[in-house]
């Protein structure tokens, strides 16, 4: 029969896990939420400027899950204007206005920044 004996301490692991439990991901999301609003506003096509000025964000946490949602409150005829701009829309005369992908290129660097900041916070815990 073979027996293995190990000696040592889990002090470093326990300290890492304690620091990790104190990690404030909401702070990272809030700090980058406004950057996302600015990026989306800068990229939003402008006719009246209402859609551009209507961006906002919400951060929520529940059960260990953290979420950031960017919102736009410019609604016309019950439909979000930025969705019409992004994906296109029909006209009243039977035509179609082609959409333009402005949301994804604008917000992608913000997603990358959030991922990098959370990762740095985790590995430095």
N, C-alpha and C. Protein backbone atom coordinates (compact mmCIF):
# COMPACT_ATOMS: atom_id res chain seq x y z
N UNK A 1 0.83 -1.15 0.00
CA UNK A 1 0.00 0.00 0.00
C UNK A 1 0.89 1.24 0.00
N UNK A 2 0.45 2.26 -0.77
CA UNK A 2 1.22 3.50 -0.89
C UNK A 2 0.47 4.62 -0.19
N UNK A 3 1.19 5.35 0.63
CA UNK A 3 0.60 6.49 1.33
C UNK A 3 1.34 7.74 0.91
N UNK A 4 0.58 8.80 0.72
CA UNK A 4 1.18 10.08 0.40
C UNK A 4 0.91 11.05 1.54
N UNK A 5 1.91 11.80 1.88
CA UNK A 5 1.79 12.78 2.94
C UNK A 5 2.14 14.13 2.35
N UNK A 6 1.29 15.08 2.58
CA UNK A 6 1.59 16.44 2.13
C UNK A 6 1.57 17.37 3.33
N UNK A 7 2.36 18.38 3.24
CA UNK A 7 2.42 19.37 4.30
C UNK A 7 2.33 20.74 3.67
N UNK A 8 1.85 21.65 4.42
CA UNK A 8 1.78 23.00 3.91
C UNK A 8 0.53 23.71 4.41
N UNK A 9 0.27 24.78 3.74
CA UNK A 9 -0.81 25.64 4.18
C UNK A 9 -1.62 26.09 2.97
N UNK A 10 -2.87 26.33 3.19
CA UNK A 10 -3.73 26.90 2.15
C UNK A 10 -3.92 28.39 2.37
N UNK A 11 -3.06 29.00 3.13
CA UNK A 11 -3.20 30.41 3.50
C UNK A 11 -3.26 31.32 2.27
N UNK A 12 -2.38 31.09 1.29
CA UNK A 12 -2.38 31.93 0.08
C UNK A 12 -3.67 31.75 -0.70
N UNK A 13 -4.13 30.52 -0.81
CA UNK A 13 -5.37 30.24 -1.52
C UNK A 13 -6.55 30.87 -0.80
N UNK A 14 -6.58 30.73 0.51
CA UNK A 14 -7.66 31.32 1.29
C UNK A 14 -7.66 32.85 1.19
N UNK A 15 -6.48 33.46 1.22
CA UNK A 15 -6.37 34.91 1.09
C UNK A 15 -6.85 35.35 -0.29
N UNK A 16 -6.46 34.62 -1.35
CA UNK A 16 -6.91 34.92 -2.71
C UNK A 16 -8.44 34.85 -2.80
N UNK A 17 -9.03 33.80 -2.24
CA UNK A 17 -10.48 33.64 -2.31
C UNK A 17 -11.21 34.71 -1.50
N UNK A 18 -10.65 35.11 -0.37
CA UNK A 18 -11.25 36.19 0.42
C UNK A 18 -11.21 37.50 -0.36
N UNK A 19 -10.07 37.79 -0.99
CA UNK A 19 -9.96 39.00 -1.79
C UNK A 19 -10.90 38.95 -2.99
N UNK A 20 -11.04 37.79 -3.58
CA UNK A 20 -11.92 37.62 -4.72
C UNK A 20 -13.37 37.86 -4.33
N UNK A 21 -13.74 37.46 -3.13
CA UNK A 21 -15.12 37.67 -2.68
C UNK A 21 -15.41 39.15 -2.46
N UNK A 22 -14.38 39.97 -2.29
CA UNK A 22 -14.55 41.40 -2.10
C UNK A 22 -14.53 42.17 -3.42
N UNK A 23 -14.29 41.47 -4.51
CA UNK A 23 -14.20 42.08 -5.83
C UNK A 23 -15.50 42.79 -6.17
N UNK A 24 -15.42 44.04 -6.58
CA UNK A 24 -16.61 44.84 -6.88
C UNK A 24 -16.74 44.99 -8.40
N UNK A 25 -17.39 44.02 -9.01
CA UNK A 25 -17.56 44.04 -10.46
C UNK A 25 -18.51 45.16 -10.86
N UNK A 26 -19.48 45.47 -10.02
CA UNK A 26 -20.41 46.55 -10.33
C UNK A 26 -19.67 47.88 -10.54
N UNK A 27 -18.62 48.10 -9.79
CA UNK A 27 -17.85 49.34 -9.95
C UNK A 27 -17.21 49.40 -11.34
N UNK A 28 -16.70 48.27 -11.81
CA UNK A 28 -16.12 48.21 -13.15
C UNK A 28 -17.20 48.47 -14.19
N UNK A 29 -18.37 47.85 -14.01
CA UNK A 29 -19.46 48.04 -14.97
C UNK A 29 -19.96 49.48 -14.96
N UNK A 30 -20.12 50.06 -13.78
CA UNK A 30 -20.57 51.45 -13.71
C UNK A 30 -19.56 52.41 -14.35
N UNK A 31 -18.29 52.17 -14.10
CA UNK A 31 -17.26 53.04 -14.67
C UNK A 31 -17.27 52.98 -16.19
N UNK A 32 -17.53 51.81 -16.74
CA UNK A 32 -17.51 51.66 -18.19
C UNK A 32 -18.88 51.89 -18.82
N UNK A 33 -19.92 51.92 -18.03
CA UNK A 33 -21.25 52.17 -18.56
C UNK A 33 -21.35 53.52 -19.23
N UNK A 34 -20.81 54.54 -18.57
CA UNK A 34 -20.86 55.88 -19.16
C UNK A 34 -19.98 55.98 -20.40
N UNK A 35 -18.87 55.24 -20.42
CA UNK A 35 -18.03 55.21 -21.62
C UNK A 35 -18.80 54.60 -22.78
N UNK A 36 -19.59 53.57 -22.48
CA UNK A 36 -20.43 52.95 -23.51
C UNK A 36 -21.48 53.92 -24.02
N UNK A 37 -22.09 54.67 -23.11
CA UNK A 37 -23.08 55.68 -23.51
C UNK A 37 -22.43 56.70 -24.46
N UNK A 38 -21.25 57.15 -24.12
CA UNK A 38 -20.55 58.13 -24.97
C UNK A 38 -20.21 57.54 -26.33
N UNK A 39 -19.75 56.30 -26.35
CA UNK A 39 -19.40 55.65 -27.62
C UNK A 39 -20.63 55.45 -28.49
N UNK A 40 -21.72 55.01 -27.89
CA UNK A 40 -22.96 54.80 -28.65
C UNK A 40 -23.52 56.13 -29.16
N UNK A 41 -23.48 57.15 -28.33
CA UNK A 41 -23.98 58.46 -28.76
C UNK A 41 -23.15 59.01 -29.91
N UNK A 42 -21.83 58.83 -29.84
CA UNK A 42 -20.96 59.33 -30.91
C UNK A 42 -21.20 58.59 -32.22
N UNK A 43 -21.58 57.33 -32.14
CA UNK A 43 -21.77 56.52 -33.35
C UNK A 43 -23.19 56.58 -33.90
N UNK A 44 -24.14 57.08 -33.13
CA UNK A 44 -25.54 57.11 -33.56
C UNK A 44 -25.72 58.12 -34.68
N UNK A 45 -26.29 57.67 -35.82
CA UNK A 45 -26.58 58.62 -36.90
C UNK A 45 -27.51 59.73 -36.38
N UNK A 46 -27.29 60.92 -36.84
CA UNK A 46 -28.02 62.06 -36.26
C UNK A 46 -28.88 62.74 -37.31
N UNK A 47 -30.17 62.77 -37.03
CA UNK A 47 -31.08 63.63 -37.79
C UNK A 47 -31.54 64.74 -36.86
N UNK A 48 -32.30 64.37 -35.85
CA UNK A 48 -32.77 65.36 -34.88
C UNK A 48 -31.87 65.42 -33.65
N UNK A 49 -31.09 64.38 -33.44
CA UNK A 49 -30.23 64.31 -32.26
C UNK A 49 -30.92 63.67 -31.07
N UNK A 50 -32.21 63.36 -31.19
CA UNK A 50 -32.94 62.78 -30.06
C UNK A 50 -32.45 61.38 -29.73
N UNK A 51 -32.25 60.53 -30.73
CA UNK A 51 -31.76 59.17 -30.48
C UNK A 51 -30.36 59.22 -29.88
N UNK A 52 -29.55 60.13 -30.37
CA UNK A 52 -28.18 60.28 -29.89
C UNK A 52 -28.15 60.67 -28.41
N UNK A 53 -29.10 61.51 -28.01
CA UNK A 53 -29.12 62.01 -26.64
C UNK A 53 -29.89 61.10 -25.69
N UNK A 54 -30.47 60.02 -26.19
CA UNK A 54 -31.35 59.17 -25.37
C UNK A 54 -30.69 57.91 -24.85
N UNK A 55 -29.37 57.79 -24.96
CA UNK A 55 -28.68 56.60 -24.47
C UNK A 55 -28.52 56.67 -22.95
N UNK A 56 -28.58 55.51 -22.31
CA UNK A 56 -28.35 55.38 -20.88
C UNK A 56 -27.87 53.96 -20.61
N UNK A 57 -27.67 53.63 -19.35
CA UNK A 57 -27.26 52.27 -19.00
C UNK A 57 -27.76 51.93 -17.61
N UNK A 58 -27.89 50.63 -17.37
CA UNK A 58 -28.31 50.11 -16.07
C UNK A 58 -27.41 48.95 -15.70
N UNK A 59 -26.96 48.91 -14.47
CA UNK A 59 -26.14 47.82 -13.94
C UNK A 59 -26.96 47.11 -12.87
N UNK A 60 -26.96 45.79 -12.93
CA UNK A 60 -27.67 45.02 -11.91
C UNK A 60 -26.87 43.78 -11.54
N UNK A 61 -27.10 43.31 -10.33
CA UNK A 61 -26.44 42.11 -9.82
C UNK A 61 -27.46 41.28 -9.09
N UNK A 62 -27.42 39.98 -9.33
CA UNK A 62 -28.34 39.08 -8.64
C UNK A 62 -27.74 37.69 -8.63
N UNK A 63 -27.59 37.12 -7.47
CA UNK A 63 -27.11 35.75 -7.35
C UNK A 63 -25.75 35.51 -7.96
N UNK A 64 -24.85 36.47 -7.85
CA UNK A 64 -23.51 36.30 -8.39
C UNK A 64 -23.39 36.59 -9.88
N UNK A 65 -24.49 37.02 -10.50
CA UNK A 65 -24.48 37.38 -11.91
C UNK A 65 -24.54 38.90 -12.01
N UNK A 66 -23.68 39.45 -12.82
CA UNK A 66 -23.62 40.90 -13.00
C UNK A 66 -24.01 41.21 -14.43
N UNK A 67 -24.78 42.29 -14.61
CA UNK A 67 -25.29 42.60 -15.93
C UNK A 67 -25.24 44.09 -16.17
N UNK A 68 -24.87 44.47 -17.40
CA UNK A 68 -24.96 45.86 -17.83
C UNK A 68 -25.81 45.88 -19.08
N UNK A 69 -26.74 46.81 -19.11
CA UNK A 69 -27.64 46.95 -20.24
C UNK A 69 -27.61 48.41 -20.68
N UNK A 70 -27.35 48.63 -21.96
CA UNK A 70 -27.43 49.98 -22.50
C UNK A 70 -28.82 50.17 -23.05
N UNK A 71 -29.41 51.32 -22.78
CA UNK A 71 -30.79 51.60 -23.17
C UNK A 71 -30.84 52.84 -24.05
N UNK A 72 -31.92 52.92 -24.83
CA UNK A 72 -32.19 54.13 -25.59
C UNK A 72 -33.69 54.38 -25.52
N UNK A 73 -34.07 55.54 -25.06
CA UNK A 73 -35.47 55.84 -24.79
C UNK A 73 -36.18 56.57 -25.93
N UNK A 74 -35.52 56.73 -27.07
CA UNK A 74 -36.16 57.40 -28.21
C UNK A 74 -37.07 56.39 -28.92
N UNK A 75 -38.38 56.56 -28.75
CA UNK A 75 -39.38 55.67 -29.32
C UNK A 75 -40.27 56.47 -30.26
N UNK A 76 -40.49 55.96 -31.46
CA UNK A 76 -41.42 56.58 -32.39
C UNK A 76 -42.44 55.55 -32.84
N UNK A 77 -43.68 55.88 -32.72
CA UNK A 77 -44.79 54.98 -33.08
C UNK A 77 -44.65 53.63 -32.38
N UNK A 78 -44.19 53.66 -31.14
CA UNK A 78 -44.07 52.44 -30.36
C UNK A 78 -42.85 51.59 -30.68
N UNK A 79 -41.93 52.10 -31.48
CA UNK A 79 -40.76 51.30 -31.88
C UNK A 79 -39.48 52.08 -31.60
N UNK A 80 -38.45 51.43 -31.05
CA UNK A 80 -37.18 52.12 -30.75
C UNK A 80 -36.48 52.61 -32.03
N UNK A 81 -36.16 53.87 -32.07
CA UNK A 81 -35.53 54.47 -33.25
C UNK A 81 -34.18 53.83 -33.55
N UNK A 82 -33.39 53.55 -32.52
CA UNK A 82 -32.05 52.99 -32.78
C UNK A 82 -32.14 51.59 -33.39
N UNK A 83 -33.20 50.85 -33.10
CA UNK A 83 -33.38 49.54 -33.73
C UNK A 83 -33.69 49.73 -35.22
N UNK A 84 -34.51 50.73 -35.53
CA UNK A 84 -34.78 51.04 -36.95
C UNK A 84 -33.50 51.44 -37.67
N UNK A 85 -32.67 52.25 -37.01
CA UNK A 85 -31.41 52.68 -37.62
C UNK A 85 -30.46 51.50 -37.80
N UNK A 86 -30.42 50.62 -36.82
CA UNK A 86 -29.51 49.47 -36.83
C UNK A 86 -29.89 48.44 -37.88
N UNK A 87 -31.19 48.09 -37.92
CA UNK A 87 -31.63 46.96 -38.76
C UNK A 87 -32.41 47.37 -40.00
N UNK A 88 -32.76 48.62 -40.11
CA UNK A 88 -33.55 49.07 -41.24
C UNK A 88 -35.02 49.07 -40.91
N UNK A 89 -35.82 49.69 -41.79
CA UNK A 89 -37.25 49.78 -41.55
C UNK A 89 -37.98 50.10 -42.84
N UNK A 90 -39.23 49.72 -42.86
CA UNK A 90 -40.09 50.04 -44.00
C UNK A 90 -40.54 51.48 -43.92
N UNK A 91 -40.89 52.02 -45.08
CA UNK A 91 -41.41 53.39 -45.14
C UNK A 91 -42.91 53.34 -45.35
N UNK A 92 -43.55 54.46 -45.19
CA UNK A 92 -45.00 54.54 -45.37
C UNK A 92 -45.43 54.37 -46.81
N UNK A 93 -44.49 54.48 -47.74
CA UNK A 93 -44.82 54.37 -49.17
C UNK A 93 -44.43 53.03 -49.76
N UNK A 94 -44.09 52.08 -48.89
CA UNK A 94 -43.76 50.74 -49.38
C UNK A 94 -42.28 50.50 -49.64
N UNK A 95 -41.45 51.48 -49.38
CA UNK A 95 -40.01 51.31 -49.56
C UNK A 95 -39.35 50.73 -48.32
N UNK A 96 -38.05 50.60 -48.39
CA UNK A 96 -37.28 50.09 -47.25
C UNK A 96 -36.02 50.91 -47.11
N UNK A 97 -35.75 51.34 -45.88
CA UNK A 97 -34.51 52.06 -45.56
C UNK A 97 -33.56 51.04 -44.96
N UNK A 98 -32.43 50.83 -45.62
CA UNK A 98 -31.42 49.87 -45.17
C UNK A 98 -30.83 50.30 -43.83
N UNK A 99 -30.67 49.34 -42.95
CA UNK A 99 -30.05 49.62 -41.66
C UNK A 99 -28.55 49.76 -41.77
N UNK A 100 -27.96 50.28 -40.70
CA UNK A 100 -26.52 50.46 -40.65
C UNK A 100 -26.02 49.98 -39.29
N UNK A 101 -25.10 49.03 -39.28
CA UNK A 101 -24.58 48.49 -38.02
C UNK A 101 -23.65 49.51 -37.38
N UNK A 102 -24.19 50.28 -36.47
CA UNK A 102 -23.37 51.26 -35.76
C UNK A 102 -23.21 50.88 -34.29
N UNK A 103 -24.09 50.04 -33.76
CA UNK A 103 -24.05 49.69 -32.33
C UNK A 103 -22.88 48.76 -32.03
N UNK A 104 -22.75 47.66 -32.76
CA UNK A 104 -21.71 46.67 -32.46
C UNK A 104 -20.30 47.23 -32.56
N UNK A 105 -19.94 47.94 -33.64
CA UNK A 105 -18.57 48.50 -33.66
C UNK A 105 -18.31 49.53 -32.56
N UNK A 106 -19.35 50.25 -32.16
CA UNK A 106 -19.16 51.27 -31.13
C UNK A 106 -18.96 50.66 -29.75
N UNK A 107 -19.69 49.57 -29.47
CA UNK A 107 -19.68 49.03 -28.11
C UNK A 107 -18.63 47.94 -27.90
N UNK A 108 -18.14 47.35 -28.98
CA UNK A 108 -17.15 46.27 -28.86
C UNK A 108 -15.91 46.67 -28.05
N UNK A 109 -15.30 47.84 -28.28
CA UNK A 109 -14.14 48.21 -27.45
C UNK A 109 -14.49 48.34 -25.96
N UNK A 110 -15.72 48.73 -25.66
CA UNK A 110 -16.14 48.84 -24.27
C UNK A 110 -16.24 47.44 -23.65
N UNK A 111 -16.80 46.48 -24.39
CA UNK A 111 -16.85 45.10 -23.91
C UNK A 111 -15.45 44.58 -23.63
N UNK A 112 -14.53 44.83 -24.56
CA UNK A 112 -13.15 44.38 -24.38
C UNK A 112 -12.53 45.02 -23.14
N UNK A 113 -12.78 46.30 -22.95
CA UNK A 113 -12.23 47.00 -21.79
C UNK A 113 -12.80 46.43 -20.48
N UNK A 114 -14.09 46.16 -20.46
CA UNK A 114 -14.71 45.57 -19.26
C UNK A 114 -14.08 44.21 -18.97
N UNK A 115 -13.95 43.38 -20.00
CA UNK A 115 -13.36 42.05 -19.81
C UNK A 115 -11.94 42.16 -19.28
N UNK A 116 -11.14 43.08 -19.82
CA UNK A 116 -9.76 43.26 -19.36
C UNK A 116 -9.70 43.75 -17.92
N UNK A 117 -10.55 44.70 -17.58
CA UNK A 117 -10.53 45.24 -16.22
C UNK A 117 -10.98 44.21 -15.19
N UNK A 118 -12.01 43.44 -15.53
CA UNK A 118 -12.47 42.40 -14.59
C UNK A 118 -11.39 41.34 -14.45
N UNK A 119 -10.76 40.95 -15.55
CA UNK A 119 -9.71 39.93 -15.48
C UNK A 119 -8.54 40.43 -14.63
N UNK A 120 -8.13 41.69 -14.84
CA UNK A 120 -7.03 42.24 -14.03
C UNK A 120 -7.41 42.26 -12.56
N UNK A 121 -8.65 42.61 -12.26
CA UNK A 121 -9.09 42.62 -10.86
C UNK A 121 -9.07 41.21 -10.26
N UNK A 122 -9.45 40.22 -11.06
CA UNK A 122 -9.48 38.85 -10.57
C UNK A 122 -8.05 38.35 -10.30
N UNK A 123 -7.15 38.55 -11.24
CA UNK A 123 -5.80 38.01 -11.05
C UNK A 123 -4.99 38.79 -10.02
N UNK A 124 -5.41 40.02 -9.72
CA UNK A 124 -4.69 40.77 -8.70
C UNK A 124 -5.31 40.60 -7.31
N UNK A 125 -6.37 39.82 -7.22
CA UNK A 125 -7.08 39.67 -5.94
C UNK A 125 -6.23 39.04 -4.87
